[in-house]
Amino acid sequence: MRPLAAAIPDPASASVFGMPLWLWVVVGGVALFGAFQAYYWIGHFLGRRLYASRIGRRISPEGIRAAENAVRRWGAFAVYGCFWVPVLRHTLPWVAGVLRVSYPWYVVASALGCLTWVPVTSFGLYSVLWGWVRLAAESPAAAGAVALAVLAAAVLLVRWRRRRRTARRAEQERVTRSDDAPCHDGSHA
């Protein structure tokens, strides 16, 4: 039996393409922080014209509405929270600029988001990938089965979300049509 210390790799020795993992995390955090500042100022200068731009058209109207509601309700705290919510992470910084969130609070919230989200995601992703590689080295069949299970779960999740979105749109259209139609007794006509 190996001693416990020999079974646990030194976290400082991990590297990707020869660069220590901790340095990748620092560089990634700084880059993400810079991108968040650029998104804010682009949204700030373009204002509502951003929504009609090519970037704005790529963001769904539902995504923009969700980001606007989050910013109006939570302010700069929504900026921190958006790091942990995939759709908002790519929408909210632009919208925060359009809605003119207090920039000093935005900087604090985005810095805290980068300081917490980047290391957790980097080390978590690194652990999952290397765990799968280790499994593949020991049992390629098991690693293949795990990869297929993850792929199947992703496909099922995407299909479930699309069905839910389609059902939500159909319900909104039904409600809109019923609001436009006169009452059976003609009292709203």
N, C-alpha and C. Protein backbone atom coordinates (compact mmCIF):
# COMPACT_ATOMS: atom_id res chain seq x y z
N MET A 1 0.84 -1.18 0.00
CA MET A 1 0.00 0.00 0.00
C MET A 1 0.89 1.25 0.00
N ARG A 2 0.57 2.18 -0.87
CA ARG A 2 1.35 3.41 -0.95
C ARG A 2 0.90 4.38 0.13
N PRO A 3 1.85 5.18 0.63
CA PRO A 3 1.44 6.21 1.59
C PRO A 3 0.51 7.21 0.91
N LEU A 4 -0.37 7.82 1.69
CA LEU A 4 -1.36 8.76 1.16
C LEU A 4 -0.69 9.90 0.40
N ALA A 5 0.42 10.40 0.90
CA ALA A 5 1.10 11.52 0.25
C ALA A 5 1.57 11.14 -1.15
N ALA A 6 1.92 9.89 -1.37
CA ALA A 6 2.38 9.46 -2.69
C ALA A 6 1.21 9.30 -3.66
N ALA A 7 0.00 9.07 -3.15
CA ALA A 7 -1.17 8.88 -4.00
C ALA A 7 -1.77 10.20 -4.47
N ILE A 8 -1.48 11.28 -3.79
CA ILE A 8 -2.04 12.59 -4.14
C ILE A 8 -0.98 13.39 -4.88
N PRO A 9 -1.29 13.78 -6.14
CA PRO A 9 -0.29 14.56 -6.89
C PRO A 9 -0.15 15.97 -6.32
N ASP A 10 1.02 16.53 -6.49
CA ASP A 10 1.29 17.90 -6.04
C ASP A 10 0.52 18.86 -6.95
N PRO A 11 -0.43 19.66 -6.42
CA PRO A 11 -1.22 20.54 -7.27
C PRO A 11 -0.38 21.60 -7.98
N ALA A 12 0.76 21.96 -7.42
CA ALA A 12 1.61 22.97 -8.06
C ALA A 12 2.37 22.40 -9.26
N SER A 13 2.40 21.08 -9.38
CA SER A 13 3.14 20.47 -10.48
C SER A 13 2.30 20.32 -11.74
N ALA A 14 1.01 20.54 -11.66
CA ALA A 14 0.14 20.40 -12.84
C ALA A 14 0.49 21.46 -13.87
N SER A 15 0.51 21.04 -15.13
CA SER A 15 0.81 22.00 -16.20
C SER A 15 0.02 21.64 -17.44
N VAL A 16 -0.21 22.64 -18.27
CA VAL A 16 -0.88 22.47 -19.55
C VAL A 16 0.02 23.11 -20.60
N PHE A 17 0.45 22.34 -21.59
CA PHE A 17 1.38 22.80 -22.62
C PHE A 17 2.65 23.39 -22.01
N GLY A 18 3.10 22.80 -20.91
CA GLY A 18 4.34 23.23 -20.27
C GLY A 18 4.21 24.43 -19.36
N MET A 19 3.06 25.07 -19.34
CA MET A 19 2.85 26.24 -18.47
C MET A 19 2.10 25.78 -17.24
N PRO A 20 2.54 26.16 -16.04
CA PRO A 20 1.85 25.71 -14.82
C PRO A 20 0.37 26.09 -14.84
N LEU A 21 -0.45 25.18 -14.33
CA LEU A 21 -1.89 25.40 -14.33
C LEU A 21 -2.27 26.68 -13.59
N TRP A 22 -1.59 26.96 -12.48
CA TRP A 22 -1.94 28.16 -11.72
C TRP A 22 -1.71 29.42 -12.56
N LEU A 23 -0.70 29.40 -13.44
CA LEU A 23 -0.44 30.56 -14.30
C LEU A 23 -1.53 30.68 -15.37
N TRP A 24 -2.01 29.55 -15.89
CA TRP A 24 -3.14 29.57 -16.81
C TRP A 24 -4.36 30.20 -16.14
N VAL A 25 -4.58 29.85 -14.89
CA VAL A 25 -5.72 30.39 -14.15
C VAL A 25 -5.59 31.90 -14.00
N VAL A 26 -4.41 32.37 -13.65
CA VAL A 26 -4.19 33.82 -13.50
C VAL A 26 -4.40 34.53 -14.83
N VAL A 27 -3.80 34.01 -15.89
CA VAL A 27 -3.95 34.63 -17.21
C VAL A 27 -5.41 34.60 -17.65
N GLY A 28 -6.08 33.49 -17.44
CA GLY A 28 -7.50 33.39 -17.79
C GLY A 28 -8.36 34.36 -17.01
N GLY A 29 -8.08 34.51 -15.72
CA GLY A 29 -8.84 35.46 -14.90
C GLY A 29 -8.65 36.90 -15.35
N VAL A 30 -7.41 37.26 -15.65
CA VAL A 30 -7.12 38.63 -16.12
C VAL A 30 -7.79 38.87 -17.48
N ALA A 31 -7.72 37.88 -18.37
CA ALA A 31 -8.34 38.02 -19.69
C ALA A 31 -9.86 38.16 -19.57
N LEU A 32 -10.46 37.34 -18.73
CA LEU A 32 -11.91 37.42 -18.54
C LEU A 32 -12.31 38.76 -17.92
N PHE A 33 -11.55 39.23 -16.96
CA PHE A 33 -11.83 40.54 -16.36
C PHE A 33 -11.75 41.64 -17.42
N GLY A 34 -10.74 41.59 -18.27
CA GLY A 34 -10.62 42.57 -19.34
C GLY A 34 -11.78 42.50 -20.32
N ALA A 35 -12.20 41.28 -20.66
CA ALA A 35 -13.34 41.12 -21.57
C ALA A 35 -14.61 41.70 -20.95
N PHE A 36 -14.82 41.46 -19.66
CA PHE A 36 -16.01 42.00 -18.99
C PHE A 36 -16.01 43.52 -19.00
N GLN A 37 -14.84 44.13 -18.87
CA GLN A 37 -14.76 45.60 -18.91
C GLN A 37 -15.07 46.10 -20.33
N ALA A 38 -14.54 45.41 -21.33
CA ALA A 38 -14.81 45.80 -22.72
C ALA A 38 -16.30 45.67 -23.03
N TYR A 39 -16.93 44.58 -22.59
CA TYR A 39 -18.36 44.39 -22.84
C TYR A 39 -19.17 45.52 -22.21
N TYR A 40 -18.81 45.87 -20.98
CA TYR A 40 -19.55 46.94 -20.29
C TYR A 40 -19.47 48.24 -21.08
N TRP A 41 -18.26 48.62 -21.49
CA TRP A 41 -18.10 49.91 -22.16
C TRP A 41 -18.69 49.90 -23.56
N ILE A 42 -18.67 48.78 -24.24
CA ILE A 42 -19.33 48.70 -25.54
C ILE A 42 -20.83 48.90 -25.35
N GLY A 43 -21.40 48.22 -24.36
CA GLY A 43 -22.83 48.40 -24.06
C GLY A 43 -23.13 49.82 -23.62
N HIS A 44 -22.23 50.41 -22.85
CA HIS A 44 -22.42 51.77 -22.35
C HIS A 44 -22.45 52.77 -23.51
N PHE A 45 -21.51 52.66 -24.44
CA PHE A 45 -21.42 53.62 -25.53
C PHE A 45 -22.50 53.39 -26.60
N LEU A 46 -22.83 52.14 -26.88
CA LEU A 46 -23.84 51.88 -27.91
C LEU A 46 -25.26 52.06 -27.39
N GLY A 47 -25.45 51.87 -26.08
CA GLY A 47 -26.80 51.99 -25.53
C GLY A 47 -27.73 50.98 -26.16
N ARG A 48 -28.97 51.36 -26.34
CA ARG A 48 -29.99 50.44 -26.88
C ARG A 48 -29.72 50.06 -28.33
N ARG A 49 -28.87 50.81 -29.02
CA ARG A 49 -28.50 50.43 -30.40
C ARG A 49 -27.80 49.08 -30.41
N LEU A 50 -27.23 48.69 -29.27
CA LEU A 50 -26.55 47.39 -29.19
C LEU A 50 -27.51 46.26 -29.52
N TYR A 51 -28.77 46.37 -29.10
CA TYR A 51 -29.73 45.29 -29.32
C TYR A 51 -30.03 45.08 -30.80
N ALA A 52 -29.91 46.13 -31.60
CA ALA A 52 -30.16 46.01 -33.04
C ALA A 52 -28.89 45.64 -33.81
N SER A 53 -27.74 45.66 -33.15
CA SER A 53 -26.48 45.34 -33.82
C SER A 53 -26.37 43.84 -34.05
N ARG A 54 -25.32 43.43 -34.76
CA ARG A 54 -25.09 42.01 -35.02
C ARG A 54 -24.93 41.23 -33.71
N ILE A 55 -24.22 41.82 -32.77
CA ILE A 55 -24.03 41.16 -31.47
C ILE A 55 -25.37 41.02 -30.76
N GLY A 56 -26.16 42.10 -30.78
CA GLY A 56 -27.46 42.07 -30.12
C GLY A 56 -28.41 41.07 -30.74
N ARG A 57 -28.34 40.88 -32.05
CA ARG A 57 -29.21 39.90 -32.70
C ARG A 57 -28.81 38.48 -32.34
N ARG A 58 -27.53 38.26 -32.02
CA ARG A 58 -27.09 36.92 -31.61
C ARG A 58 -27.58 36.57 -30.22
N ILE A 59 -27.80 37.61 -29.41
CA ILE A 59 -28.36 37.40 -28.07
C ILE A 59 -29.87 37.32 -28.23
N SER A 60 -30.48 36.30 -27.73
CA SER A 60 -31.93 36.16 -27.90
C SER A 60 -32.67 37.25 -27.13
N PRO A 61 -33.86 37.64 -27.60
CA PRO A 61 -34.65 38.62 -26.85
C PRO A 61 -34.96 38.15 -25.43
N GLU A 62 -35.15 36.83 -25.27
CA GLU A 62 -35.40 36.29 -23.93
C GLU A 62 -34.17 36.47 -23.05
N GLY A 63 -32.99 36.26 -23.63
CA GLY A 63 -31.75 36.45 -22.88
C GLY A 63 -31.55 37.90 -22.47
N ILE A 64 -31.87 38.82 -23.37
CA ILE A 64 -31.75 40.25 -23.05
C ILE A 64 -32.73 40.62 -21.95
N ARG A 65 -33.98 40.15 -22.06
CA ARG A 65 -34.98 40.45 -21.02
C ARG A 65 -34.56 39.87 -19.67
N ALA A 66 -34.04 38.65 -19.67
CA ALA A 66 -33.61 38.03 -18.41
C ALA A 66 -32.45 38.82 -17.81
N ALA A 67 -31.51 39.25 -18.64
CA ALA A 67 -30.37 40.03 -18.14
C ALA A 67 -30.84 41.38 -17.61
N GLU A 68 -31.74 42.05 -18.35
CA GLU A 68 -32.24 43.35 -17.88
C GLU A 68 -32.97 43.21 -16.55
N ASN A 69 -33.80 42.17 -16.43
CA ASN A 69 -34.53 41.96 -15.17
C ASN A 69 -33.57 41.69 -14.02
N ALA A 70 -32.53 40.89 -14.27
CA ALA A 70 -31.55 40.60 -13.22
C ALA A 70 -30.81 41.86 -12.81
N VAL A 71 -30.41 42.68 -13.79
CA VAL A 71 -29.68 43.91 -13.46
C VAL A 71 -30.57 44.88 -12.72
N ARG A 72 -31.81 45.04 -13.17
CA ARG A 72 -32.72 45.97 -12.47
C ARG A 72 -32.99 45.52 -11.04
N ARG A 73 -33.11 44.21 -10.86
CA ARG A 73 -33.44 43.71 -9.52
C ARG A 73 -32.23 43.69 -8.59
N TRP A 74 -31.07 43.21 -9.10
CA TRP A 74 -29.93 42.96 -8.24
C TRP A 74 -28.76 43.94 -8.42
N GLY A 75 -28.79 44.74 -9.48
CA GLY A 75 -27.71 45.70 -9.71
C GLY A 75 -26.39 45.00 -9.96
N ALA A 76 -25.34 45.51 -9.34
CA ALA A 76 -24.00 44.96 -9.56
C ALA A 76 -23.87 43.54 -9.02
N PHE A 77 -24.69 43.16 -8.04
CA PHE A 77 -24.64 41.80 -7.51
C PHE A 77 -24.98 40.79 -8.62
N ALA A 78 -25.82 41.21 -9.58
CA ALA A 78 -26.15 40.33 -10.71
C ALA A 78 -24.91 40.05 -11.55
N VAL A 79 -23.98 41.01 -11.59
CA VAL A 79 -22.75 40.82 -12.35
C VAL A 79 -21.96 39.65 -11.75
N TYR A 80 -21.86 39.62 -10.43
CA TYR A 80 -21.17 38.50 -9.79
C TYR A 80 -21.91 37.19 -10.06
N GLY A 81 -23.21 37.22 -9.91
CA GLY A 81 -24.01 36.01 -10.11
C GLY A 81 -23.98 35.48 -11.53
N CYS A 82 -23.80 36.37 -12.50
CA CYS A 82 -23.85 35.92 -13.90
C CYS A 82 -22.70 34.99 -14.25
N PHE A 83 -21.63 35.02 -13.49
CA PHE A 83 -20.52 34.10 -13.77
C PHE A 83 -20.96 32.66 -13.62
N TRP A 84 -21.94 32.41 -12.77
CA TRP A 84 -22.35 31.05 -12.45
C TRP A 84 -23.55 30.59 -13.28
N VAL A 85 -24.11 31.48 -14.12
CA VAL A 85 -25.28 31.14 -14.94
C VAL A 85 -24.87 31.26 -16.41
N PRO A 86 -24.81 30.13 -17.14
CA PRO A 86 -24.26 30.15 -18.48
C PRO A 86 -24.85 31.19 -19.44
N VAL A 87 -26.14 31.33 -19.55
CA VAL A 87 -26.72 32.28 -20.51
C VAL A 87 -26.43 33.72 -20.09
N LEU A 88 -26.59 34.00 -18.83
CA LEU A 88 -26.36 35.37 -18.35
C LEU A 88 -24.90 35.78 -18.45
N ARG A 89 -24.00 34.83 -18.32
CA ARG A 89 -22.57 35.14 -18.36
C ARG A 89 -22.18 35.85 -19.66
N HIS A 90 -22.87 35.53 -20.73
CA HIS A 90 -22.52 36.10 -22.03
C HIS A 90 -23.41 37.27 -22.43
N THR A 91 -24.44 37.53 -21.66
CA THR A 91 -25.38 38.59 -21.99
C THR A 91 -25.31 39.76 -21.02
N LEU A 92 -25.23 39.47 -19.76
CA LEU A 92 -25.36 40.49 -18.73
C LEU A 92 -24.32 41.61 -18.79
N PRO A 93 -23.05 41.36 -19.07
CA PRO A 93 -22.10 42.48 -19.11
C PRO A 93 -22.47 43.56 -20.12
N TRP A 94 -22.96 43.15 -21.29
CA TRP A 94 -23.39 44.12 -22.29
C TRP A 94 -24.58 44.93 -21.77
N VAL A 95 -25.55 44.20 -21.22
CA VAL A 95 -26.77 44.84 -20.74
C VAL A 95 -26.46 45.76 -19.56
N ALA A 96 -25.53 45.37 -18.70
CA ALA A 96 -25.14 46.24 -17.58
C ALA A 96 -24.61 47.57 -18.09
N GLY A 97 -23.88 47.54 -19.18
CA GLY A 97 -23.39 48.78 -19.78
C GLY A 97 -24.53 49.60 -20.36
N VAL A 98 -25.47 48.94 -21.03
CA VAL A 98 -26.61 49.65 -21.61
C VAL A 98 -27.43 50.30 -20.50
N LEU A 99 -27.65 49.58 -19.41
CA LEU A 99 -28.47 50.09 -18.30
C LEU A 99 -27.69 51.00 -17.35
N ARG A 100 -26.40 51.20 -17.64
CA ARG A 100 -25.54 52.12 -16.88
C ARG A 100 -25.45 51.74 -15.39
N VAL A 101 -25.15 50.47 -15.15
CA VAL A 101 -24.88 50.03 -13.77
C VAL A 101 -23.69 50.84 -13.26
N SER A 102 -23.69 51.17 -11.99
CA SER A 102 -22.58 51.92 -11.39
C SER A 102 -21.26 51.22 -11.70
N TYR A 103 -20.37 51.93 -12.42
CA TYR A 103 -19.14 51.28 -12.87
C TYR A 103 -18.23 50.83 -11.73
N PRO A 104 -18.04 51.63 -10.67
CA PRO A 104 -17.20 51.13 -9.58
C PRO A 104 -17.73 49.82 -8.98
N TRP A 105 -19.04 49.71 -8.82
CA TRP A 105 -19.61 48.47 -8.30
C TRP A 105 -19.49 47.35 -9.32
N TYR A 106 -19.61 47.69 -10.59
CA TYR A 106 -19.45 46.70 -11.66
C TYR A 106 -18.04 46.12 -11.63
N VAL A 107 -17.03 46.98 -11.46
CA VAL A 107 -15.64 46.53 -11.42
C VAL A 107 -15.43 45.58 -10.24
N VAL A 108 -15.95 45.96 -9.08
CA VAL A 108 -15.81 45.11 -7.89
C VAL A 108 -16.48 43.76 -8.11
N ALA A 109 -17.71 43.79 -8.62
CA ALA A 109 -18.46 42.55 -8.82
C ALA A 109 -17.79 41.67 -9.88
N SER A 110 -17.30 42.27 -10.97
CA SER A 110 -16.66 41.44 -12.00
C SER A 110 -15.30 40.92 -11.53
N ALA A 111 -14.60 41.69 -10.72
CA ALA A 111 -13.32 41.21 -10.17
C ALA A 111 -13.56 40.03 -9.23
N LEU A 112 -14.57 40.16 -8.36
CA LEU A 112 -14.89 39.05 -7.45
C LEU A 112 -15.35 37.81 -8.24
N GLY A 113 -16.11 38.04 -9.29
CA GLY A 113 -16.55 36.92 -10.13
C GLY A 113 -15.37 36.21 -10.76
N CYS A 114 -14.42 36.98 -11.29
CA CYS A 114 -13.23 36.37 -11.91
C CYS A 114 -12.39 35.64 -10.87
N LEU A 115 -12.29 36.22 -9.68
CA LEU A 115 -11.46 35.60 -8.64
C LEU A 115 -12.05 34.30 -8.11
N THR A 116 -13.35 34.13 -8.23
CA THR A 116 -13.96 32.90 -7.72
C THR A 116 -14.30 31.91 -8.83
N TRP A 117 -14.86 32.38 -9.93
CA TRP A 117 -15.32 31.47 -10.98
C TRP A 117 -14.17 30.85 -11.75
N VAL A 118 -13.17 31.62 -12.11
CA VAL A 118 -12.08 31.09 -12.94
C VAL A 118 -11.32 29.96 -12.25
N PRO A 119 -10.88 30.11 -11.00
CA PRO A 119 -10.17 28.98 -10.37
C PRO A 119 -11.05 27.74 -10.19
N VAL A 120 -12.28 27.94 -9.76
CA VAL A 120 -13.17 26.79 -9.56
C VAL A 120 -13.39 26.05 -10.87
N THR A 121 -13.67 26.80 -11.92
CA THR A 121 -13.91 26.18 -13.23
C THR A 121 -12.64 25.54 -13.77
N SER A 122 -11.52 26.24 -13.67
CA SER A 122 -10.27 25.71 -14.22
C SER A 122 -9.84 24.43 -13.53
N PHE A 123 -9.78 24.46 -12.21
CA PHE A 123 -9.33 23.28 -11.48
C PHE A 123 -10.36 22.16 -11.56
N GLY A 124 -11.65 22.51 -11.56
CA GLY A 124 -12.68 21.50 -11.71
C GLY A 124 -12.63 20.83 -13.06
N LEU A 125 -12.51 21.63 -14.12
CA LEU A 125 -12.41 21.09 -15.46
C LEU A 125 -11.14 20.25 -15.63
N TYR A 126 -10.04 20.76 -15.09
CA TYR A 126 -8.77 20.04 -15.14
C TYR A 126 -8.91 18.68 -14.44
N SER A 127 -9.55 18.66 -13.31
CA SER A 127 -9.73 17.41 -12.56
C SER A 127 -10.60 16.43 -13.34
N VAL A 128 -11.68 16.91 -13.92
CA VAL A 128 -12.57 16.03 -14.69
C VAL A 128 -11.84 15.46 -15.90
N LEU A 129 -11.14 16.32 -16.64
CA LEU A 129 -10.44 15.84 -17.84
C LEU A 129 -9.36 14.82 -17.50
N TRP A 130 -8.54 15.13 -16.49
CA TRP A 130 -7.48 14.19 -16.14
C TRP A 130 -8.03 12.92 -15.50
N GLY A 131 -9.15 13.02 -14.81
CA GLY A 131 -9.80 11.83 -14.28
C GLY A 131 -10.25 10.92 -15.40
N TRP A 132 -10.83 11.53 -16.46
CA TRP A 132 -11.27 10.74 -17.61
C TRP A 132 -10.07 10.14 -18.34
N VAL A 133 -8.99 10.90 -18.49
CA VAL A 133 -7.79 10.37 -19.15
C VAL A 133 -7.23 9.20 -18.36
N ARG A 134 -7.21 9.31 -17.05
CA ARG A 134 -6.72 8.21 -16.20
C ARG A 134 -7.61 6.98 -16.37
N LEU A 135 -8.94 7.20 -16.42
CA LEU A 135 -9.86 6.10 -16.64
C LEU A 135 -9.62 5.47 -18.01
N ALA A 136 -9.39 6.30 -19.02
CA ALA A 136 -9.13 5.79 -20.37
C ALA A 136 -7.85 4.96 -20.41
N ALA A 137 -6.85 5.35 -19.63
CA ALA A 137 -5.60 4.59 -19.59
C ALA A 137 -5.80 3.23 -18.94
N GLU A 138 -6.69 3.17 -17.95
CA GLU A 138 -6.93 1.90 -17.25
C GLU A 138 -7.95 1.03 -17.97
N SER A 139 -8.99 1.67 -18.53
CA SER A 139 -10.05 0.92 -19.19
C SER A 139 -10.67 1.77 -20.30
N PRO A 140 -10.19 1.59 -21.52
CA PRO A 140 -10.74 2.37 -22.63
C PRO A 140 -12.24 2.16 -22.82
N ALA A 141 -12.72 0.95 -22.57
CA ALA A 141 -14.15 0.67 -22.72
C ALA A 141 -14.96 1.48 -21.71
N ALA A 142 -14.50 1.54 -20.47
CA ALA A 142 -15.20 2.32 -19.45
C ALA A 142 -15.17 3.81 -19.79
N ALA A 143 -14.03 4.30 -20.27
CA ALA A 143 -13.93 5.71 -20.66
C ALA A 143 -14.86 6.01 -21.82
N GLY A 144 -14.97 5.10 -22.78
CA GLY A 144 -15.89 5.27 -23.89
C GLY A 144 -17.34 5.29 -23.42
N ALA A 145 -17.65 4.41 -22.47
CA ALA A 145 -19.01 4.37 -21.92
C ALA A 145 -19.34 5.67 -21.18
N VAL A 146 -18.38 6.19 -20.43
CA VAL A 146 -18.59 7.45 -19.73
C VAL A 146 -18.79 8.59 -20.73
N ALA A 147 -17.97 8.62 -21.77
CA ALA A 147 -18.10 9.66 -22.79
C ALA A 147 -19.46 9.58 -23.48
N LEU A 148 -19.91 8.37 -23.81
CA LEU A 148 -21.23 8.20 -24.42
C LEU A 148 -22.35 8.61 -23.47
N ALA A 149 -22.21 8.29 -22.20
CA ALA A 149 -23.23 8.68 -21.22
C ALA A 149 -23.32 10.19 -21.09
N VAL A 150 -22.17 10.86 -21.06
CA VAL A 150 -22.15 12.33 -20.97
C VAL A 150 -22.76 12.93 -22.23
N LEU A 151 -22.42 12.39 -23.39
CA LEU A 151 -22.98 12.88 -24.65
C LEU A 151 -24.49 12.68 -24.68
N ALA A 152 -24.96 11.51 -24.26
CA ALA A 152 -26.40 11.24 -24.23
C ALA A 152 -27.12 12.19 -23.26
N ALA A 153 -26.52 12.43 -22.11
CA ALA A 153 -27.12 13.36 -21.15
C ALA A 153 -27.19 14.77 -21.73
N ALA A 154 -26.15 15.19 -22.45
CA ALA A 154 -26.15 16.53 -23.06
C ALA A 154 -27.24 16.62 -24.13
N VAL A 155 -27.38 15.58 -24.96
CA VAL A 155 -28.42 15.59 -25.99
C VAL A 155 -29.80 15.63 -25.35
N LEU A 156 -30.02 14.84 -24.33
CA LEU A 156 -31.31 14.85 -23.64
C LEU A 156 -31.61 16.20 -23.00
N LEU A 157 -30.60 16.81 -22.42
CA LEU A 157 -30.79 18.13 -21.81
C LEU A 157 -31.17 19.17 -22.86
N VAL A 158 -30.47 19.17 -23.99
CA VAL A 158 -30.77 20.13 -25.05
C VAL A 158 -32.18 19.90 -25.59
N ARG A 159 -32.57 18.66 -25.82
CA ARG A 159 -33.92 18.36 -26.30
C ARG A 159 -34.98 18.79 -25.29
N TRP A 160 -34.74 18.53 -24.03
CA TRP A 160 -35.69 18.91 -22.98
C TRP A 160 -35.86 20.43 -22.94
N ARG A 161 -34.73 21.16 -23.00
CA ARG A 161 -34.80 22.62 -22.97
C ARG A 161 -35.52 23.17 -24.20
N ARG A 162 -35.29 22.59 -25.38
CA ARG A 162 -35.99 23.05 -26.59
C ARG A 162 -37.49 22.79 -26.48
N ARG A 163 -37.87 21.63 -26.00
CA ARG A 163 -39.30 21.34 -25.83
C ARG A 163 -39.94 22.29 -24.83
N ARG A 164 -39.24 22.54 -23.76
CA ARG A 164 -39.76 23.46 -22.75
C ARG A 164 -39.93 24.86 -23.32
N ARG A 165 -38.94 25.34 -24.08
CA ARG A 165 -38.99 26.65 -24.70
C ARG A 165 -40.14 26.72 -25.72
N THR A 166 -40.32 25.66 -26.52
CA THR A 166 -41.40 25.63 -27.49
C THR A 166 -42.75 25.65 -26.79
N ALA A 167 -42.89 24.88 -25.72
CA ALA A 167 -44.14 24.87 -24.97
C ALA A 167 -44.43 26.24 -24.36
N ARG A 168 -43.38 26.90 -23.86
CA ARG A 168 -43.55 28.23 -23.27
C ARG A 168 -44.00 29.24 -24.32
N ARG A 169 -43.40 29.18 -25.51
CA ARG A 169 -43.81 30.09 -26.60
C ARG A 169 -45.24 29.82 -27.03
N ALA A 170 -45.61 28.53 -27.14
CA ALA A 170 -46.98 28.19 -27.52
C ALA A 170 -47.97 28.71 -26.49
N GLU A 171 -47.62 28.59 -25.23
CA GLU A 171 -48.49 29.09 -24.16
C GLU A 171 -48.62 30.61 -24.23
N GLN A 172 -47.52 31.31 -24.51
CA GLN A 172 -47.57 32.77 -24.64
C GLN A 172 -48.44 33.17 -25.82
N GLU A 173 -48.31 32.46 -26.94
CA GLU A 173 -49.14 32.76 -28.10
C GLU A 173 -50.60 32.50 -27.81
N ARG A 174 -50.90 31.42 -27.09
CA ARG A 174 -52.28 31.09 -26.73
C ARG A 174 -52.87 32.18 -25.84
N VAL A 175 -52.09 32.62 -24.86
CA VAL A 175 -52.57 33.68 -23.96
C VAL A 175 -52.76 34.98 -24.73
N THR A 176 -51.83 35.29 -25.63
CA THR A 176 -51.94 36.52 -26.41
C THR A 176 -53.17 36.48 -27.30
N ARG A 177 -53.42 35.34 -27.95
CA ARG A 177 -54.60 35.21 -28.81
C ARG A 177 -55.88 35.30 -27.99
N SER A 178 -55.89 34.69 -26.82
CA SER A 178 -57.11 34.74 -26.00
C SER A 178 -57.34 36.13 -25.43
N ASP A 179 -56.26 36.91 -25.21
CA ASP A 179 -56.43 38.29 -24.75
C ASP A 179 -56.97 39.18 -25.84
N ASP A 180 -56.64 38.88 -27.10
CA ASP A 180 -57.07 39.68 -28.22
C ASP A 180 -58.51 39.36 -28.64
N ALA A 181 -58.94 38.15 -28.35
CA ALA A 181 -60.29 37.73 -28.76
C ALA A 181 -61.33 38.32 -27.82
N PRO A 182 -62.50 38.69 -28.37
CA PRO A 182 -63.55 39.21 -27.49
C PRO A 182 -64.12 38.10 -26.61
N CYS A 183 -64.67 38.48 -25.48
CA CYS A 183 -65.28 37.51 -24.58
C CYS A 183 -66.49 36.90 -25.25
N HIS A 184 -66.89 35.73 -24.76
CA HIS A 184 -68.03 35.02 -25.36
C HIS A 184 -69.32 35.82 -25.23
N ASP A 185 -69.41 36.68 -24.22
CA ASP A 185 -70.62 37.48 -24.05
C ASP A 185 -70.49 38.87 -24.66
N GLY A 186 -69.33 39.16 -25.29
CA GLY A 186 -69.13 40.42 -25.97
C GLY A 186 -68.89 41.59 -25.05
N SER A 187 -68.61 41.34 -23.76
CA SER A 187 -68.44 42.45 -22.81
C SER A 187 -67.15 43.22 -23.02
N HIS A 188 -66.15 42.62 -23.67
CA HIS A 188 -64.88 43.30 -23.88
C HIS A 188 -64.75 43.84 -25.30
N ALA A 189 -65.72 43.58 -26.13
CA ALA A 189 -65.64 43.97 -27.53
C ALA A 189 -65.95 45.43 -27.71
